[in-house]
C-alpha atoms as a PDB file:
ATOM      1  CA  MET A   1      45.916   1.992  26.217  1.00  0.00           C
ATOM      2  CA  GLU A   2      43.898  -0.915  27.957  1.00  0.00           C
ATOM      3  CA  LEU A   3      41.143  -2.917  25.574  1.00  0.00           C
ATOM      4  CA  THR A   4      38.044  -3.838  27.002  1.00  0.00           C
ATOM      5  CA  TYR A   5      36.569  -6.564  26.068  1.00  0.00           C
ATOM      6  CA  THR A   6      32.782  -7.839  25.215  1.00  0.00           C
ATOM      7  CA  PRO A   7      31.896 -11.585  24.879  1.00  0.00           C
ATOM      8  CA  ASP A   8      29.344 -12.837  23.025  1.00  0.00           C
ATOM      9  CA  GLU A   9      26.962 -15.695  23.339  1.00  0.00           C
ATOM     10  CA  ASN A  10      29.159 -18.236  22.924  1.00  0.00           C
ATOM     11  CA  GLY A  11      31.701 -16.889  25.491  1.00  0.00           C
ATOM     12  CA  ILE A  12      34.257 -15.554  22.916  1.00  0.00           C
ATOM     13  CA  LEU A  13      35.323 -12.558  23.623  1.00  0.00           C
ATOM     14  CA  TYR A  14      35.319  -9.515  21.044  1.00  0.00           C
ATOM     15  CA  PRO A  15      37.441  -5.920  21.737  1.00  0.00           C
ATOM     16  CA  ASP A  16      35.619  -3.308  22.168  1.00  0.00           C
ATOM     17  CA  LEU A  17      37.270  -1.597  19.380  1.00  0.00           C
ATOM     18  CA  GLU A  18      35.851   1.546  17.678  1.00  0.00           C
ATOM     19  CA  ALA A  19      37.587   3.944  13.935  1.00  0.00           C
ATOM     20  CA  PRO A  20      38.270   7.140  14.789  1.00  0.00           C
ATOM     21  CA  MET A  21      36.054   9.807  13.111  1.00  0.00           C
ATOM     22  CA  THR A  22      37.615  11.639  10.620  1.00  0.00           C
ATOM     23  CA  THR A  23      36.240  13.954   8.640  1.00  0.00           C
ATOM     24  CA  GLU A  24      37.145  14.908   5.623  1.00  0.00           C
ATOM     25  CA  PRO A  25      37.176  19.247   4.619  1.00  0.00           C
ATOM     26  CA  ASP A  26      35.078  20.851   2.130  1.00  0.00           C
ATOM     27  CA  ILE A  27      37.231  20.362  -1.038  1.00  0.00           C
ATOM     28  CA  GLY A  28      34.374  22.263  -3.280  1.00  0.00           C
ATOM     29  CA  MET A  29      34.069  22.362  -7.130  1.00  0.00           C
ATOM     30  CA  TRP A  30      37.326  23.275  -8.023  1.00  0.00           C
ATOM     31  CA  GLY A  31      38.997  20.139  -5.503  1.00  0.00           C
ATOM     32  CA  ARG A  32      36.509  18.011  -6.445  1.00  0.00           C
ATOM     33  CA  ARG A  33      37.419  18.238 -10.282  1.00  0.00           C
ATOM     34  CA  HIS A  34      41.173  17.696  -9.419  1.00  0.00           C
ATOM     35  CA  LYS A  35      40.480  14.548  -7.543  1.00  0.00           C
ATOM     36  CA  ARG A  36      39.062  12.808 -10.680  1.00  0.00           C
ATOM     37  CA  TYR A  37      41.830  14.847 -12.899  1.00  0.00           C
ATOM     38  CA  LEU A  38      44.575  12.706 -10.046  1.00  0.00           C
ATOM     39  CA  LYS A  39      42.261   9.934 -10.286  1.00  0.00           C
ATOM     40  CA  GLU A  40      41.891   9.312 -13.870  1.00  0.00           C
ATOM     41  CA  HIS A  41      45.660  10.645 -15.087  1.00  0.00           C
ATOM     42  CA  TRP A  42      48.255  10.924 -11.820  1.00  0.00           C
ATOM     43  CA  ASN A  43      46.618   7.037 -10.187  1.00  0.00           C
ATOM     44  CA  TRP A  44      49.809   6.778  -8.623  1.00  0.00           C
ATOM     45  CA  LYS A  45      49.766  10.245  -7.347  1.00  0.00           C
ATOM     46  CA  TYR A  46      46.258   9.973  -5.870  1.00  0.00           C
ATOM     47  CA  ILE A  47      47.406   6.861  -3.893  1.00  0.00           C
ATOM     48  CA  GLU A  48      50.030   7.873  -2.470  1.00  0.00           C
ATOM     49  CA  MET A  49      48.342  11.277  -1.153  1.00  0.00           C
ATOM     50  CA  LYS A  50      45.020   9.154   0.368  1.00  0.00           C
ATOM     51  CA  THR A  51      47.273   6.626   1.589  1.00  0.00           C
ATOM     52  CA  ASN A  52      49.450   9.197   4.001  1.00  0.00           C
ATOM     53  CA  GLY A  53      46.554  11.534   4.406  1.00  0.00           C
ATOM     54  CA  THR A  54      47.817  14.409   2.095  1.00  0.00           C
ATOM     55  CA  LEU A  55      45.071  14.294  -0.366  1.00  0.00           C
ATOM     56  CA  PHE A  56      42.501  16.916   1.350  1.00  0.00           C
ATOM     57  CA  PRO A  57      44.236  19.205   2.996  1.00  0.00           C
ATOM     58  CA  TYR A  58      45.904  19.393  -1.134  1.00  0.00           C
ATOM     59  CA  LEU A  59      42.361  19.191  -2.529  1.00  0.00           C
ATOM     60  CA  ALA A  60      41.165  22.437  -0.080  1.00  0.00           C
ATOM     61  CA  GLU A  61      43.874  24.065  -0.460  1.00  0.00           C
ATOM     62  CA  THR A  62      43.587  23.914  -4.722  1.00  0.00           C
ATOM     63  CA  ASN A  63      39.771  24.828  -3.956  1.00  0.00           C
ATOM     64  CA  ALA A  64      40.578  27.885  -1.728  1.00  0.00           C
ATOM     65  CA  CYS A  65      43.839  28.910  -4.547  1.00  0.00           C
ATOM     66  CA  ALA A  66      41.362  28.291  -7.842  1.00  0.00           C
ATOM     67  CA  GLU A  67      38.992  30.542  -5.601  1.00  0.00           C
ATOM     68  CA  ALA A  68      41.321  32.982  -5.178  1.00  0.00           C
ATOM     69  CA  MET A  69      42.473  32.895  -8.675  1.00  0.00           C
ATOM     70  CA  LEU A  70      38.547  34.003  -9.541  1.00  0.00           C
ATOM     71  CA  ALA A  71      37.905  36.752  -7.723  1.00  0.00           C
ATOM     72  CA  TYR A  72      41.185  38.114  -8.630  1.00  0.00           C
ATOM     73  CA  MET A  73      40.695  37.193 -12.541  1.00  0.00           C
ATOM     74  CA  VAL A  74      36.673  37.856 -13.207  1.00  0.00           C
ATOM     75  CA  PRO A  75      36.308  41.788 -12.275  1.00  0.00           C
ATOM     76  CA  ARG A  76      40.134  42.225 -14.353  1.00  0.00           C
ATOM     77  CA  LEU A  77      38.770  40.804 -17.392  1.00  0.00           C
ATOM     78  CA  ALA A  78      35.061  42.503 -16.969  1.00  0.00           C
ATOM     79  CA  ALA A  79      36.831  45.792 -16.379  1.00  0.00           C
ATOM     80  CA  ALA A  80      39.523  45.136 -19.563  1.00  0.00           C
ATOM     81  CA  GLN A  81      36.227  44.405 -21.726  1.00  0.00           C
ATOM     82  CA  GLY A  82      34.501  47.724 -20.846  1.00  0.00           C
ATOM     83  CA  ALA A  83      31.917  46.600 -17.785  1.00  0.00           C
ATOM     84  CA  ASN A  84      31.681  49.121 -15.350  1.00  0.00           C
ATOM     85  CA  ASP A  85      28.964  51.009 -13.349  1.00  0.00           C
ATOM     86  CA  GLU A  86      27.813  53.280 -16.189  1.00  0.00           C
ATOM     87  CA  LEU A  87      27.521  50.347 -18.936  1.00  0.00           C
ATOM     88  CA  LYS A  88      25.351  48.674 -16.098  1.00  0.00           C
ATOM     89  CA  GLU A  89      22.982  51.474 -15.944  1.00  0.00           C
ATOM     90  CA  ARG A  90      22.928  51.741 -20.189  1.00  0.00           C
ATOM     91  CA  ASP A  91      22.787  48.526 -20.780  1.00  0.00           C
ATOM     92  CA  GLN A  92      22.506  45.653 -18.392  1.00  0.00           C
ATOM     93  CA  MET A  93      22.152  42.552 -21.073  1.00  0.00           C
ATOM     94  CA  LEU A  94      25.737  43.471 -22.778  1.00  0.00           C
ATOM     95  CA  TRP A  95      27.104  43.803 -19.000  1.00  0.00           C
ATOM     96  CA  VAL A  96      25.487  40.238 -17.984  1.00  0.00           C
ATOM     97  CA  GLN A  97      27.174  39.193 -21.314  1.00  0.00           C
ATOM     98  CA  ILE A  98      30.458  40.762 -20.209  1.00  0.00           C
ATOM     99  CA  MET A  99      30.801  39.858 -16.768  1.00  0.00           C
ATOM    100  CA  ASN A 100      29.667  35.720 -18.043  1.00  0.00           C
ATOM    101  CA  ASN A 101      31.991  36.372 -20.862  1.00  0.00           C
ATOM    102  CA  ALA A 102      35.084  37.365 -17.875  1.00  0.00           C
ATOM    103  CA  ARG A 103      33.802  34.391 -15.102  1.00  0.00           C
ATOM    104  CA  HIS A 104      34.149  31.859 -18.356  1.00  0.00           C
ATOM    105  CA  SER A 105      37.356  32.851 -19.579  1.00  0.00           C
ATOM    106  CA  ALA A 106      38.627  33.103 -15.859  1.00  0.00           C
ATOM    107  CA  GLU A 107      37.871  29.912 -15.295  1.00  0.00           C
ATOM    108  CA  GLU A 108      38.928  28.334 -18.277  1.00  0.00           C
ATOM    109  CA  ILE A 109      41.936  30.095 -17.392  1.00  0.00           C
ATOM    110  CA  VAL A 110      42.016  28.272 -13.930  1.00  0.00           C
ATOM    111  CA  ILE A 111      41.283  25.149 -15.384  1.00  0.00           C
ATOM    112  CA  ARG A 112      44.338  24.952 -17.770  1.00  0.00           C
ATOM    113  CA  GLU A 113      46.484  26.776 -15.017  1.00  0.00           C
ATOM    114  CA  LEU A 114      45.613  25.013 -11.683  1.00  0.00           C
ATOM    115  CA  ILE A 115      43.171  21.901 -11.847  1.00  0.00           C
ATOM    116  CA  PHE A 116      44.652  20.048 -15.048  1.00  0.00           C
ATOM    117  CA  VAL A 117      48.460  19.735 -14.644  1.00  0.00           C
END
């Protein structure tokens, strides 16, 4: 690699350096929550992962796992509570309540089992 230099008005040469452009992957809501948890409770692990460049891929993977867990659990929890198409046609408010309950329950499980560990 050959460096080029640019002189200033006093004749001092400065190397032409550019920092490499790094793009951080989208870590999503769950990745941001886990990042905050790591910074607050596992600071040494957070600093180590950030230093060796594994933090953002890890957080992106954590987010993907959390989304997959939610996609798997919400329909099953809702079905266990009786949410189906017949209920949706008959009593929409009850169906919405069950779906919201299933979503919140699944989010609590994800937080407890994946994010705050």
